[in-house]
Amino acid sequence: MDNQDIATKFDDINIHVDFLIESCQSFQKENTELLAKIKELEDQLEQKIKKEDVYVGQESMMNEKIDRLLSKLDGFSEIVPGDEKL
């Protein structure tokens, strides 16, 4: 192997090393962007879970109120037909 062949090999290796460095930098940038997207989606999911919890609480409260009103109506309907003095 002469000096020209060695220089050519080093040039080839240098090109490959540059390509690997560029690839790593590109992957690091993409990884950073993906981590930011994951954080954003996790935050959105947390907000939706909180909203769902509020909704479930409100729905439960409304169901309890409806049940109480229905119980009152049931109690009233039992009193009215049996009370012939009115």
N, C-alpha and C. Protein backbone atom coordinates (compact mmCIF):
# COMPACT_ATOMS: atom_id res chain seq x y z
N MET A 1 0.84 -1.17 0.00
CA MET A 1 0.00 0.00 0.00
C MET A 1 0.90 1.24 0.00
N ASP A 2 0.61 2.10 -0.91
CA ASP A 2 1.41 3.32 -0.96
C ASP A 2 0.71 4.45 -0.22
N ASN A 3 1.35 5.58 -0.16
CA ASN A 3 0.81 6.73 0.58
C ASN A 3 -0.54 7.20 0.01
N GLN A 4 -0.68 7.11 -1.30
CA GLN A 4 -1.94 7.54 -1.94
C GLN A 4 -3.08 6.63 -1.51
N ASP A 5 -2.85 5.34 -1.45
CA ASP A 5 -3.89 4.40 -1.01
C ASP A 5 -4.27 4.65 0.45
N ILE A 6 -3.27 4.91 1.28
CA ILE A 6 -3.53 5.18 2.70
C ILE A 6 -4.33 6.47 2.84
N ALA A 7 -3.97 7.49 2.08
CA ALA A 7 -4.69 8.76 2.13
C ALA A 7 -6.14 8.57 1.68
N THR A 8 -6.34 7.76 0.64
CA THR A 8 -7.68 7.48 0.15
C THR A 8 -8.50 6.75 1.21
N LYS A 9 -7.89 5.78 1.87
CA LYS A 9 -8.59 5.04 2.94
C LYS A 9 -9.00 6.00 4.06
N PHE A 10 -8.07 6.87 4.47
CA PHE A 10 -8.40 7.83 5.53
C PHE A 10 -9.51 8.78 5.09
N ASP A 11 -9.50 9.17 3.84
CA ASP A 11 -10.57 10.03 3.33
C ASP A 11 -11.92 9.31 3.38
N ASP A 12 -11.90 8.02 3.00
CA ASP A 12 -13.13 7.22 3.07
C ASP A 12 -13.62 7.10 4.51
N ILE A 13 -12.68 6.83 5.42
CA ILE A 13 -13.05 6.71 6.84
C ILE A 13 -13.59 8.04 7.35
N ASN A 14 -12.95 9.13 6.96
CA ASN A 14 -13.38 10.47 7.37
C ASN A 14 -14.80 10.75 6.88
N ILE A 15 -15.10 10.38 5.65
CA ILE A 15 -16.45 10.57 5.10
C ILE A 15 -17.46 9.77 5.92
N HIS A 16 -17.13 8.53 6.25
CA HIS A 16 -18.03 7.69 7.04
C HIS A 16 -18.22 8.24 8.45
N VAL A 17 -17.15 8.73 9.05
CA VAL A 17 -17.24 9.32 10.39
C VAL A 17 -18.12 10.56 10.35
N ASP A 18 -17.95 11.40 9.35
CA ASP A 18 -18.79 12.60 9.21
C ASP A 18 -20.27 12.21 9.06
N PHE A 19 -20.52 11.17 8.25
CA PHE A 19 -21.89 10.70 8.07
C PHE A 19 -22.47 10.21 9.40
N LEU A 20 -21.68 9.46 10.15
CA LEU A 20 -22.15 8.96 11.45
C LEU A 20 -22.43 10.10 12.42
N ILE A 21 -21.57 11.10 12.43
CA ILE A 21 -21.77 12.25 13.32
C ILE A 21 -23.04 12.99 12.93
N GLU A 22 -23.24 13.21 11.65
CA GLU A 22 -24.46 13.89 11.18
C GLU A 22 -25.70 13.08 11.54
N SER A 23 -25.60 11.77 11.37
CA SER A 23 -26.73 10.90 11.72
C SER A 23 -27.04 10.98 13.21
N CYS A 24 -26.01 10.94 14.03
CA CYS A 24 -26.21 11.03 15.49
C CYS A 24 -26.84 12.36 15.86
N GLN A 25 -26.37 13.44 15.27
CA GLN A 25 -26.93 14.76 15.55
C GLN A 25 -28.40 14.83 15.12
N SER A 26 -28.69 14.25 13.97
CA SER A 26 -30.07 14.22 13.49
C SER A 26 -30.95 13.41 14.43
N PHE A 27 -30.45 12.27 14.87
CA PHE A 27 -31.22 11.43 15.79
C PHE A 27 -31.41 12.11 17.15
N GLN A 28 -30.39 12.83 17.61
CA GLN A 28 -30.53 13.55 18.87
C GLN A 28 -31.59 14.65 18.75
N LYS A 29 -31.59 15.36 17.63
CA LYS A 29 -32.59 16.41 17.42
C LYS A 29 -33.99 15.79 17.36
N GLU A 30 -34.13 14.70 16.62
CA GLU A 30 -35.42 14.03 16.52
C GLU A 30 -35.86 13.50 17.88
N ASN A 31 -34.93 12.96 18.65
CA ASN A 31 -35.25 12.45 19.98
C ASN A 31 -35.74 13.58 20.89
N THR A 32 -35.10 14.73 20.83
CA THR A 32 -35.52 15.88 21.62
C THR A 32 -36.92 16.32 21.24
N GLU A 33 -37.20 16.35 19.93
CA GLU A 33 -38.53 16.73 19.46
C GLU A 33 -39.58 15.72 19.92
N LEU A 34 -39.24 14.44 19.85
CA LEU A 34 -40.18 13.41 20.27
C LEU A 34 -40.43 13.46 21.77
N LEU A 35 -39.39 13.73 22.56
CA LEU A 35 -39.57 13.86 24.00
C LEU A 35 -40.48 15.04 24.34
N ALA A 36 -40.32 16.14 23.60
CA ALA A 36 -41.19 17.31 23.81
C ALA A 36 -42.63 16.96 23.44
N LYS A 37 -42.81 16.21 22.36
CA LYS A 37 -44.16 15.80 21.93
C LYS A 37 -44.78 14.87 22.97
N ILE A 38 -43.99 13.96 23.51
CA ILE A 38 -44.49 13.06 24.56
C ILE A 38 -44.94 13.87 25.76
N LYS A 39 -44.14 14.85 26.18
CA LYS A 39 -44.49 15.68 27.32
C LYS A 39 -45.80 16.43 27.05
N GLU A 40 -45.93 16.97 25.84
CA GLU A 40 -47.15 17.69 25.47
C GLU A 40 -48.37 16.77 25.53
N LEU A 41 -48.23 15.57 24.98
CA LEU A 41 -49.35 14.61 24.99
C LEU A 41 -49.68 14.15 26.41
N GLU A 42 -48.66 13.96 27.24
CA GLU A 42 -48.92 13.59 28.64
C GLU A 42 -49.67 14.69 29.36
N ASP A 43 -49.30 15.94 29.10
CA ASP A 43 -50.00 17.07 29.72
C ASP A 43 -51.46 17.12 29.26
N GLN A 44 -51.68 16.91 27.96
CA GLN A 44 -53.05 16.90 27.43
C GLN A 44 -53.86 15.77 28.06
N LEU A 45 -53.24 14.61 28.18
CA LEU A 45 -53.93 13.46 28.78
C LEU A 45 -54.28 13.75 30.24
N GLU A 46 -53.37 14.36 30.97
CA GLU A 46 -53.63 14.71 32.37
C GLU A 46 -54.80 15.68 32.49
N GLN A 47 -54.84 16.67 31.60
CA GLN A 47 -55.95 17.62 31.61
C GLN A 47 -57.28 16.93 31.29
N LYS A 48 -57.26 16.01 30.34
CA LYS A 48 -58.48 15.30 29.99
C LYS A 48 -58.94 14.40 31.13
N ILE A 49 -58.00 13.79 31.82
CA ILE A 49 -58.36 12.94 32.97
C ILE A 49 -58.99 13.79 34.07
N LYS A 50 -58.42 14.97 34.32
CA LYS A 50 -59.00 15.86 35.33
C LYS A 50 -60.42 16.28 34.93
N LYS A 51 -60.61 16.62 33.66
CA LYS A 51 -61.94 17.02 33.19
C LYS A 51 -62.92 15.86 33.31
N GLU A 52 -62.44 14.67 32.99
CA GLU A 52 -63.31 13.49 33.10
C GLU A 52 -63.69 13.24 34.56
N ASP A 53 -62.74 13.42 35.47
CA ASP A 53 -63.05 13.25 36.90
C ASP A 53 -64.12 14.24 37.34
N VAL A 54 -64.00 15.49 36.88
CA VAL A 54 -65.00 16.50 37.22
C VAL A 54 -66.35 16.09 36.65
N TYR A 55 -66.35 15.64 35.41
CA TYR A 55 -67.60 15.23 34.76
C TYR A 55 -68.24 14.06 35.51
N VAL A 56 -67.43 13.07 35.87
CA VAL A 56 -67.95 11.90 36.59
C VAL A 56 -68.53 12.34 37.94
N GLY A 57 -67.86 13.26 38.61
CA GLY A 57 -68.38 13.78 39.88
C GLY A 57 -69.70 14.50 39.71
N GLN A 58 -69.78 15.32 38.67
CA GLN A 58 -71.02 16.04 38.41
C GLN A 58 -72.14 15.08 38.03
N GLU A 59 -71.82 14.09 37.22
CA GLU A 59 -72.82 13.11 36.81
C GLU A 59 -73.33 12.33 38.03
N SER A 60 -72.43 11.97 38.91
CA SER A 60 -72.81 11.24 40.12
C SER A 60 -73.72 12.10 41.00
N MET A 61 -73.36 13.38 41.14
CA MET A 61 -74.17 14.29 41.94
C MET A 61 -75.56 14.45 41.34
N MET A 62 -75.64 14.58 40.02
CA MET A 62 -76.94 14.73 39.36
C MET A 62 -77.77 13.47 39.53
N ASN A 63 -77.15 12.32 39.41
CA ASN A 63 -77.87 11.06 39.59
C ASN A 63 -78.43 10.94 41.01
N GLU A 64 -77.65 11.37 42.00
CA GLU A 64 -78.12 11.34 43.39
C GLU A 64 -79.32 12.27 43.56
N LYS A 65 -79.24 13.46 42.99
CA LYS A 65 -80.34 14.42 43.10
C LYS A 65 -81.59 13.88 42.41
N ILE A 66 -81.42 13.29 41.25
CA ILE A 66 -82.56 12.71 40.53
C ILE A 66 -83.18 11.59 41.36
N ASP A 67 -82.34 10.73 41.93
CA ASP A 67 -82.84 9.64 42.76
C ASP A 67 -83.63 10.17 43.96
N ARG A 68 -83.11 11.24 44.58
CA ARG A 68 -83.83 11.82 45.73
C ARG A 68 -85.17 12.40 45.29
N LEU A 69 -85.18 13.10 44.15
CA LEU A 69 -86.44 13.66 43.65
C LEU A 69 -87.43 12.55 43.31
N LEU A 70 -86.95 11.48 42.71
CA LEU A 70 -87.84 10.36 42.39
C LEU A 70 -88.37 9.72 43.66
N SER A 71 -87.54 9.63 44.68
CA SER A 71 -88.00 9.08 45.96
C SER A 71 -89.08 9.97 46.57
N LYS A 72 -88.87 11.28 46.50
CA LYS A 72 -89.89 12.21 47.01
C LYS A 72 -91.19 12.04 46.25
N LEU A 73 -91.08 11.94 44.92
CA LEU A 73 -92.28 11.75 44.10
C LEU A 73 -92.97 10.44 44.43
N ASP A 74 -92.19 9.38 44.63
CA ASP A 74 -92.77 8.09 45.00
C ASP A 74 -93.49 8.21 46.35
N GLY A 75 -92.85 8.87 47.29
CA GLY A 75 -93.47 9.07 48.60
C GLY A 75 -94.72 9.91 48.50
N PHE A 76 -94.71 10.94 47.69
CA PHE A 76 -95.88 11.80 47.49
C PHE A 76 -97.01 11.03 46.83
N SER A 77 -96.68 10.23 45.81
CA SER A 77 -97.73 9.50 45.11
C SER A 77 -98.36 8.43 46.02
N GLU A 78 -97.63 7.94 46.99
CA GLU A 78 -98.18 6.96 47.93
C GLU A 78 -99.12 7.65 48.93
N ILE A 79 -98.81 8.87 49.27
CA ILE A 79 -99.63 9.60 50.24
C ILE A 79 -100.94 10.09 49.61
N VAL A 80 -100.87 10.66 48.41
CA VAL A 80 -102.02 11.28 47.78
C VAL A 80 -103.17 10.30 47.51
N PRO A 81 -102.98 9.18 46.82
CA PRO A 81 -104.11 8.31 46.55
C PRO A 81 -104.71 7.71 47.82
N GLY A 82 -103.94 7.47 48.84
CA GLY A 82 -104.46 6.89 50.06
C GLY A 82 -105.14 7.88 50.96
N ASP A 83 -104.91 9.14 50.74
CA ASP A 83 -105.48 10.17 51.61
C ASP A 83 -106.76 10.69 50.97
N GLU A 84 -107.90 10.13 51.36
CA GLU A 84 -109.18 10.50 50.74
C GLU A 84 -109.83 11.67 51.46
N LYS A 85 -109.22 12.18 52.51
CA LYS A 85 -109.79 13.31 53.22
C LYS A 85 -109.57 14.61 52.43
N LEU A 86 -108.61 14.62 51.53
CA LEU A 86 -108.34 15.85 50.77
C LEU A 86 -109.35 16.07 49.76
